[in-house]
Amino acid sequence: MDKKIKKALLTAVGVASIAHTEVRKYAKHATKKGVLTKKEATKLVASISKQAKAEAKNFRKLVEKHIKTQSKLAKKTVKKAVKKAKVAGSVKVKQAAKKAHARGKKIMGSAAKKARKTGKKAVKKASSKAKRALKKLR
């Protein structure tokens, strides 16, 4: 759980607990002073506790909704980042393929050139041998 959300939840629980304690203290004090009867004080504490529980429930729903929203937002952000990375990656792959192709062409070209030279030399050598052989035959 996110630290900020956890802190907010703990704060809300703490505030509700303190409020409940303070209401009980006030009810006890008011009963001693004669402002409230014991029955009224009990009803007051029960009523406020009920309201506090309802508010805590609403707060929890609000936090859960916020977590879901943030989670969806994070998923969208990650998807976008992955998509950008894929696009950037495919561009890099295409560039690397082009370079490899060009380099391959260059290598093949130089190999073909060497082969032509070697072929020409072999043809010259064979023709000179053939000429010598013809001279010997005459």
N, C-alpha and C. Protein backbone atom coordinates (compact mmCIF):
# COMPACT_ATOMS: atom_id res chain seq x y z
N MET A 1 0.85 -1.17 0.00
CA MET A 1 0.00 0.00 0.00
C MET A 1 0.90 1.24 0.00
N ASP A 2 0.47 2.25 -0.69
CA ASP A 2 1.21 3.50 -0.78
C ASP A 2 1.34 4.11 0.62
N LYS A 3 2.51 4.67 0.93
CA LYS A 3 2.76 5.24 2.26
C LYS A 3 1.78 6.37 2.60
N LYS A 4 1.49 7.21 1.61
CA LYS A 4 0.59 8.34 1.86
C LYS A 4 -0.82 7.86 2.18
N ILE A 5 -1.28 6.86 1.44
CA ILE A 5 -2.63 6.33 1.67
C ILE A 5 -2.69 5.67 3.04
N LYS A 6 -1.66 4.89 3.37
CA LYS A 6 -1.61 4.22 4.65
C LYS A 6 -1.63 5.24 5.78
N LYS A 7 -0.87 6.31 5.61
CA LYS A 7 -0.81 7.36 6.61
C LYS A 7 -2.18 8.03 6.78
N ALA A 8 -2.86 8.27 5.65
CA ALA A 8 -4.19 8.89 5.71
C ALA A 8 -5.18 7.99 6.43
N LEU A 9 -5.13 6.69 6.13
CA LEU A 9 -6.03 5.75 6.79
C LEU A 9 -5.78 5.70 8.29
N LEU A 10 -4.51 5.61 8.67
CA LEU A 10 -4.17 5.57 10.09
C LEU A 10 -4.58 6.86 10.80
N THR A 11 -4.42 7.98 10.12
CA THR A 11 -4.82 9.27 10.69
C THR A 11 -6.33 9.30 10.91
N ALA A 12 -7.07 8.83 9.92
CA ALA A 12 -8.54 8.81 10.03
C ALA A 12 -8.98 7.92 11.19
N VAL A 13 -8.35 6.75 11.31
CA VAL A 13 -8.69 5.85 12.41
C VAL A 13 -8.37 6.50 13.75
N GLY A 14 -7.20 7.15 13.81
CA GLY A 14 -6.80 7.83 15.05
C GLY A 14 -7.75 8.95 15.42
N VAL A 15 -8.15 9.74 14.44
CA VAL A 15 -9.08 10.85 14.69
C VAL A 15 -10.42 10.30 15.17
N ALA A 16 -10.90 9.25 14.55
CA ALA A 16 -12.18 8.66 14.96
C ALA A 16 -12.09 8.13 16.39
N SER A 17 -10.97 7.51 16.72
CA SER A 17 -10.78 6.97 18.06
C SER A 17 -10.75 8.08 19.10
N ILE A 18 -10.01 9.14 18.78
CA ILE A 18 -9.93 10.29 19.69
C ILE A 18 -11.29 10.94 19.84
N ALA A 19 -12.01 11.10 18.74
CA ALA A 19 -13.34 11.72 18.78
C ALA A 19 -14.28 10.90 19.66
N HIS A 20 -14.24 9.58 19.52
CA HIS A 20 -15.09 8.70 20.31
C HIS A 20 -14.76 8.85 21.81
N THR A 21 -13.48 8.88 22.11
CA THR A 21 -13.04 9.03 23.50
C THR A 21 -13.49 10.38 24.06
N GLU A 22 -13.30 11.42 23.26
CA GLU A 22 -13.68 12.76 23.71
C GLU A 22 -15.19 12.87 23.92
N VAL A 23 -15.98 12.26 23.07
CA VAL A 23 -17.44 12.29 23.22
C VAL A 23 -17.84 11.58 24.51
N ARG A 24 -17.18 10.46 24.77
CA ARG A 24 -17.50 9.74 26.02
C ARG A 24 -17.14 10.58 27.24
N LYS A 25 -15.98 11.25 27.16
CA LYS A 25 -15.58 12.13 28.28
C LYS A 25 -16.59 13.26 28.48
N TYR A 26 -16.99 13.88 27.33
CA TYR A 26 -17.96 14.97 27.40
C TYR A 26 -19.28 14.47 27.99
N ALA A 27 -19.74 13.30 27.54
CA ALA A 27 -21.00 12.75 28.03
C ALA A 27 -20.92 12.48 29.53
N LYS A 28 -19.79 11.97 29.98
CA LYS A 28 -19.60 11.69 31.41
C LYS A 28 -19.62 13.00 32.20
N HIS A 29 -18.90 13.99 31.67
CA HIS A 29 -18.84 15.30 32.31
C HIS A 29 -20.23 15.96 32.35
N ALA A 30 -20.95 15.89 31.22
CA ALA A 30 -22.29 16.50 31.14
C ALA A 30 -23.26 15.80 32.09
N THR A 31 -23.08 14.51 32.27
CA THR A 31 -23.95 13.77 33.19
C THR A 31 -23.68 14.21 34.62
N LYS A 32 -22.40 14.40 34.96
CA LYS A 32 -22.04 14.85 36.32
C LYS A 32 -22.60 16.24 36.60
N LYS A 33 -22.57 17.11 35.59
CA LYS A 33 -23.04 18.49 35.74
C LYS A 33 -24.56 18.57 35.72
N GLY A 34 -25.21 17.50 35.25
CA GLY A 34 -26.66 17.50 35.20
C GLY A 34 -27.22 18.04 33.90
N VAL A 35 -26.36 18.27 32.90
CA VAL A 35 -26.80 18.77 31.60
C VAL A 35 -27.51 17.66 30.83
N LEU A 36 -27.00 16.44 30.97
CA LEU A 36 -27.58 15.28 30.29
C LEU A 36 -27.89 14.20 31.32
N THR A 37 -28.93 13.43 31.00
CA THR A 37 -29.20 12.26 31.84
C THR A 37 -28.29 11.14 31.36
N LYS A 38 -28.19 10.07 32.15
CA LYS A 38 -27.34 8.96 31.77
C LYS A 38 -27.83 8.33 30.47
N LYS A 39 -29.13 8.24 30.30
CA LYS A 39 -29.73 7.66 29.08
C LYS A 39 -29.40 8.52 27.87
N GLU A 40 -29.52 9.85 28.02
CA GLU A 40 -29.22 10.77 26.92
C GLU A 40 -27.73 10.71 26.54
N ALA A 41 -26.89 10.60 27.56
CA ALA A 41 -25.45 10.51 27.32
C ALA A 41 -25.13 9.23 26.54
N THR A 42 -25.75 8.13 26.93
CA THR A 42 -25.53 6.86 26.23
C THR A 42 -26.00 6.97 24.79
N LYS A 43 -27.17 7.58 24.58
CA LYS A 43 -27.69 7.76 23.21
C LYS A 43 -26.75 8.65 22.39
N LEU A 44 -26.25 9.72 23.02
CA LEU A 44 -25.33 10.63 22.33
C LEU A 44 -24.07 9.89 21.88
N VAL A 45 -23.48 9.13 22.78
CA VAL A 45 -22.26 8.38 22.45
C VAL A 45 -22.55 7.36 21.35
N ALA A 46 -23.68 6.66 21.45
CA ALA A 46 -24.05 5.66 20.44
C ALA A 46 -24.29 6.32 19.09
N SER A 47 -24.98 7.45 19.10
CA SER A 47 -25.28 8.17 17.86
C SER A 47 -24.00 8.64 17.18
N ILE A 48 -23.13 9.25 17.96
CA ILE A 48 -21.90 9.76 17.38
C ILE A 48 -21.00 8.61 16.92
N SER A 49 -20.97 7.51 17.66
CA SER A 49 -20.19 6.34 17.25
C SER A 49 -20.73 5.79 15.93
N LYS A 50 -22.05 5.77 15.80
CA LYS A 50 -22.67 5.28 14.57
C LYS A 50 -22.28 6.18 13.39
N GLN A 51 -22.34 7.50 13.63
CA GLN A 51 -21.96 8.45 12.58
C GLN A 51 -20.48 8.30 12.22
N ALA A 52 -19.64 8.10 13.23
CA ALA A 52 -18.21 7.94 12.98
C ALA A 52 -17.95 6.68 12.16
N LYS A 53 -18.66 5.60 12.46
CA LYS A 53 -18.50 4.36 11.69
C LYS A 53 -18.94 4.57 10.25
N ALA A 54 -20.05 5.29 10.06
CA ALA A 54 -20.54 5.57 8.71
C ALA A 54 -19.52 6.41 7.94
N GLU A 55 -18.96 7.41 8.59
CA GLU A 55 -17.96 8.26 7.94
C GLU A 55 -16.69 7.47 7.62
N ALA A 56 -16.31 6.58 8.53
CA ALA A 56 -15.14 5.74 8.28
C ALA A 56 -15.37 4.84 7.07
N LYS A 57 -16.59 4.32 6.97
CA LYS A 57 -16.94 3.48 5.83
C LYS A 57 -16.88 4.29 4.53
N ASN A 58 -17.45 5.50 4.56
CA ASN A 58 -17.40 6.38 3.38
C ASN A 58 -15.96 6.73 3.02
N PHE A 59 -15.16 7.01 4.03
CA PHE A 59 -13.76 7.35 3.80
C PHE A 59 -13.03 6.17 3.17
N ARG A 60 -13.30 4.98 3.67
CA ARG A 60 -12.66 3.78 3.12
C ARG A 60 -13.04 3.59 1.66
N LYS A 61 -14.33 3.79 1.33
CA LYS A 61 -14.77 3.67 -0.06
C LYS A 61 -14.06 4.70 -0.93
N LEU A 62 -13.95 5.91 -0.42
CA LEU A 62 -13.28 6.98 -1.16
C LEU A 62 -11.82 6.62 -1.43
N VAL A 63 -11.14 6.10 -0.42
CA VAL A 63 -9.74 5.71 -0.58
C VAL A 63 -9.62 4.57 -1.59
N GLU A 64 -10.50 3.56 -1.50
CA GLU A 64 -10.46 2.44 -2.44
C GLU A 64 -10.69 2.93 -3.87
N LYS A 65 -11.63 3.87 -4.03
CA LYS A 65 -11.90 4.44 -5.35
C LYS A 65 -10.65 5.15 -5.87
N HIS A 66 -10.01 5.90 -5.00
CA HIS A 66 -8.80 6.63 -5.37
C HIS A 66 -7.70 5.65 -5.77
N ILE A 67 -7.56 4.57 -5.02
CA ILE A 67 -6.54 3.57 -5.33
C ILE A 67 -6.80 2.95 -6.70
N LYS A 68 -8.05 2.61 -6.98
CA LYS A 68 -8.40 2.04 -8.28
C LYS A 68 -8.08 3.01 -9.41
N THR A 69 -8.45 4.27 -9.22
CA THR A 69 -8.20 5.30 -10.23
C THR A 69 -6.70 5.43 -10.49
N GLN A 70 -5.93 5.50 -9.43
CA GLN A 70 -4.48 5.64 -9.58
C GLN A 70 -3.87 4.40 -10.22
N SER A 71 -4.43 3.25 -9.88
CA SER A 71 -3.94 2.00 -10.47
C SER A 71 -4.19 1.99 -11.97
N LYS A 72 -5.39 2.39 -12.39
CA LYS A 72 -5.71 2.45 -13.81
C LYS A 72 -4.79 3.44 -14.52
N LEU A 73 -4.59 4.58 -13.91
CA LEU A 73 -3.72 5.60 -14.49
C LEU A 73 -2.29 5.06 -14.64
N ALA A 74 -1.83 4.36 -13.63
CA ALA A 74 -0.48 3.79 -13.69
C ALA A 74 -0.38 2.75 -14.81
N LYS A 75 -1.42 1.93 -14.96
CA LYS A 75 -1.42 0.91 -16.01
C LYS A 75 -1.36 1.57 -17.38
N LYS A 76 -2.15 2.65 -17.57
CA LYS A 76 -2.14 3.36 -18.85
C LYS A 76 -0.76 3.94 -19.12
N THR A 77 -0.16 4.53 -18.11
CA THR A 77 1.16 5.12 -18.26
C THR A 77 2.19 4.07 -18.64
N VAL A 78 2.11 2.91 -17.99
CA VAL A 78 3.04 1.83 -18.29
C VAL A 78 2.82 1.33 -19.71
N LYS A 79 1.56 1.19 -20.12
CA LYS A 79 1.26 0.74 -21.49
C LYS A 79 1.85 1.70 -22.51
N LYS A 80 1.68 3.01 -22.26
CA LYS A 80 2.22 4.01 -23.19
C LYS A 80 3.74 3.91 -23.25
N ALA A 81 4.36 3.75 -22.09
CA ALA A 81 5.83 3.66 -22.04
C ALA A 81 6.31 2.42 -22.78
N VAL A 82 5.61 1.31 -22.60
CA VAL A 82 5.99 0.07 -23.28
C VAL A 82 5.82 0.23 -24.79
N LYS A 83 4.72 0.87 -25.19
CA LYS A 83 4.48 1.09 -26.62
C LYS A 83 5.58 1.95 -27.23
N LYS A 84 5.94 3.03 -26.52
CA LYS A 84 7.02 3.90 -27.01
C LYS A 84 8.33 3.13 -27.10
N ALA A 85 8.58 2.30 -26.10
CA ALA A 85 9.82 1.51 -26.11
C ALA A 85 9.83 0.53 -27.27
N LYS A 86 8.68 -0.08 -27.55
CA LYS A 86 8.59 -1.01 -28.67
C LYS A 86 8.85 -0.29 -29.98
N VAL A 87 8.21 0.88 -30.14
CA VAL A 87 8.39 1.65 -31.37
C VAL A 87 9.85 2.06 -31.51
N ALA A 88 10.42 2.58 -30.43
CA ALA A 88 11.82 2.98 -30.46
C ALA A 88 12.71 1.78 -30.74
N GLY A 89 12.36 0.65 -30.14
CA GLY A 89 13.13 -0.57 -30.35
C GLY A 89 13.05 -1.05 -31.78
N SER A 90 11.83 -1.00 -32.37
CA SER A 90 11.68 -1.47 -33.75
C SER A 90 12.42 -0.54 -34.71
N VAL A 91 12.42 0.74 -34.41
CA VAL A 91 13.17 1.69 -35.24
C VAL A 91 14.66 1.36 -35.16
N LYS A 92 15.14 1.09 -33.95
CA LYS A 92 16.55 0.75 -33.77
C LYS A 92 16.88 -0.54 -34.51
N VAL A 93 15.97 -1.52 -34.44
CA VAL A 93 16.19 -2.79 -35.14
C VAL A 93 16.25 -2.56 -36.64
N LYS A 94 15.33 -1.73 -37.15
CA LYS A 94 15.32 -1.43 -38.59
C LYS A 94 16.63 -0.75 -39.01
N GLN A 95 17.06 0.20 -38.19
CA GLN A 95 18.31 0.89 -38.50
C GLN A 95 19.49 -0.09 -38.48
N ALA A 96 19.50 -0.97 -37.51
CA ALA A 96 20.58 -1.96 -37.42
C ALA A 96 20.53 -2.90 -38.61
N ALA A 97 19.32 -3.29 -39.03
CA ALA A 97 19.17 -4.18 -40.19
C ALA A 97 19.69 -3.49 -41.45
N LYS A 98 19.37 -2.20 -41.61
CA LYS A 98 19.86 -1.44 -42.77
C LYS A 98 21.39 -1.41 -42.78
N LYS A 99 21.96 -1.13 -41.61
CA LYS A 99 23.42 -1.07 -41.53
C LYS A 99 24.03 -2.43 -41.85
N ALA A 100 23.42 -3.49 -41.31
CA ALA A 100 23.94 -4.83 -41.57
C ALA A 100 23.83 -5.18 -43.05
N HIS A 101 22.70 -4.79 -43.65
CA HIS A 101 22.50 -5.05 -45.07
C HIS A 101 23.56 -4.31 -45.90
N ALA A 102 23.77 -3.04 -45.59
CA ALA A 102 24.76 -2.25 -46.31
C ALA A 102 26.16 -2.84 -46.12
N ARG A 103 26.44 -3.24 -44.91
CA ARG A 103 27.75 -3.83 -44.64
C ARG A 103 27.90 -5.16 -45.37
N GLY A 104 26.80 -5.93 -45.38
CA GLY A 104 26.81 -7.21 -46.10
C GLY A 104 27.04 -7.00 -47.58
N LYS A 105 26.38 -5.97 -48.14
CA LYS A 105 26.58 -5.64 -49.56
C LYS A 105 28.04 -5.30 -49.82
N LYS A 106 28.59 -4.51 -48.93
CA LYS A 106 29.98 -4.08 -49.08
C LYS A 106 30.90 -5.30 -49.04
N ILE A 107 30.66 -6.16 -48.07
CA ILE A 107 31.50 -7.36 -47.94
C ILE A 107 31.34 -8.25 -49.17
N MET A 108 30.10 -8.44 -49.59
CA MET A 108 29.84 -9.28 -50.77
C MET A 108 30.47 -8.65 -52.02
N GLY A 109 30.38 -7.33 -52.12
CA GLY A 109 30.99 -6.63 -53.26
C GLY A 109 32.49 -6.84 -53.31
N SER A 110 33.14 -6.69 -52.16
CA SER A 110 34.60 -6.88 -52.14
C SER A 110 34.95 -8.34 -52.40
N ALA A 111 34.12 -9.27 -51.90
CA ALA A 111 34.37 -10.69 -52.16
C ALA A 111 34.21 -11.00 -53.64
N ALA A 112 33.19 -10.40 -54.25
CA ALA A 112 32.97 -10.61 -55.69
C ALA A 112 34.12 -10.04 -56.49
N LYS A 113 34.60 -8.88 -56.06
CA LYS A 113 35.72 -8.24 -56.74
C LYS A 113 36.96 -9.14 -56.67
N LYS A 114 37.22 -9.69 -55.49
CA LYS A 114 38.36 -10.58 -55.33
C LYS A 114 38.18 -11.83 -56.19
N ALA A 115 36.94 -12.32 -56.21
CA ALA A 115 36.68 -13.52 -57.01
C ALA A 115 36.92 -13.24 -58.49
N ARG A 116 36.48 -12.06 -58.96
CA ARG A 116 36.70 -11.69 -60.36
C ARG A 116 38.20 -11.62 -60.66
N LYS A 117 38.94 -10.98 -59.72
CA LYS A 117 40.40 -10.87 -59.92
C LYS A 117 41.02 -12.26 -59.97
N THR A 118 40.63 -13.08 -59.02
CA THR A 118 41.17 -14.44 -58.98
C THR A 118 40.78 -15.20 -60.23
N GLY A 119 39.55 -15.03 -60.67
CA GLY A 119 39.07 -15.69 -61.89
C GLY A 119 39.86 -15.23 -63.10
N LYS A 120 40.10 -13.93 -63.20
CA LYS A 120 40.86 -13.38 -64.32
C LYS A 120 42.28 -13.94 -64.30
N LYS A 121 42.87 -14.00 -63.13
CA LYS A 121 44.23 -14.54 -63.02
C LYS A 121 44.25 -16.01 -63.45
N ALA A 122 43.23 -16.73 -62.98
CA ALA A 122 43.16 -18.15 -63.33
C ALA A 122 42.98 -18.33 -64.83
N VAL A 123 42.16 -17.48 -65.44
CA VAL A 123 41.95 -17.56 -66.88
C VAL A 123 43.24 -17.23 -67.60
N LYS A 124 43.94 -16.20 -67.17
CA LYS A 124 45.21 -15.82 -67.80
C LYS A 124 46.21 -16.96 -67.69
N LYS A 125 46.29 -17.53 -66.49
CA LYS A 125 47.23 -18.61 -66.25
C LYS A 125 46.90 -19.81 -67.13
N ALA A 126 45.60 -20.14 -67.19
CA ALA A 126 45.18 -21.29 -68.01
C ALA A 126 45.43 -21.03 -69.49
N SER A 127 45.16 -19.80 -69.93
CA SER A 127 45.37 -19.49 -71.36
C SER A 127 46.86 -19.51 -71.70
N SER A 128 47.70 -19.02 -70.77
CA SER A 128 49.14 -19.06 -71.05
C SER A 128 49.65 -20.50 -71.08
N LYS A 129 49.11 -21.36 -70.20
CA LYS A 129 49.49 -22.77 -70.21
C LYS A 129 49.04 -23.42 -71.52
N ALA A 130 47.84 -23.05 -71.94
CA ALA A 130 47.31 -23.62 -73.18
C ALA A 130 48.17 -23.17 -74.36
N LYS A 131 48.60 -21.93 -74.39
CA LYS A 131 49.44 -21.41 -75.48
C LYS A 131 50.77 -22.15 -75.49
N ARG A 132 51.37 -22.37 -74.35
CA ARG A 132 52.64 -23.11 -74.26
C ARG A 132 52.49 -24.53 -74.76
N ALA A 133 51.34 -25.09 -74.34
CA ALA A 133 51.09 -26.49 -74.76
C ALA A 133 50.93 -26.55 -76.28
N LEU A 134 50.30 -25.55 -76.86
CA LEU A 134 50.12 -25.49 -78.31
C LEU A 134 51.45 -25.31 -79.01
N LYS A 135 52.30 -24.50 -78.45
CA LYS A 135 53.62 -24.28 -79.03
C LYS A 135 54.43 -25.58 -79.03
N LYS A 136 54.32 -26.32 -77.94
CA LYS A 136 55.05 -27.58 -77.86
C LYS A 136 54.53 -28.58 -78.89
N LEU A 137 53.24 -28.54 -79.13
CA LEU A 137 52.65 -29.45 -80.09
C LEU A 137 53.05 -29.06 -81.52
N ARG A 138 53.39 -27.96 -81.90
CA ARG A 138 53.70 -27.53 -83.27
C ARG A 138 55.03 -27.88 -83.60
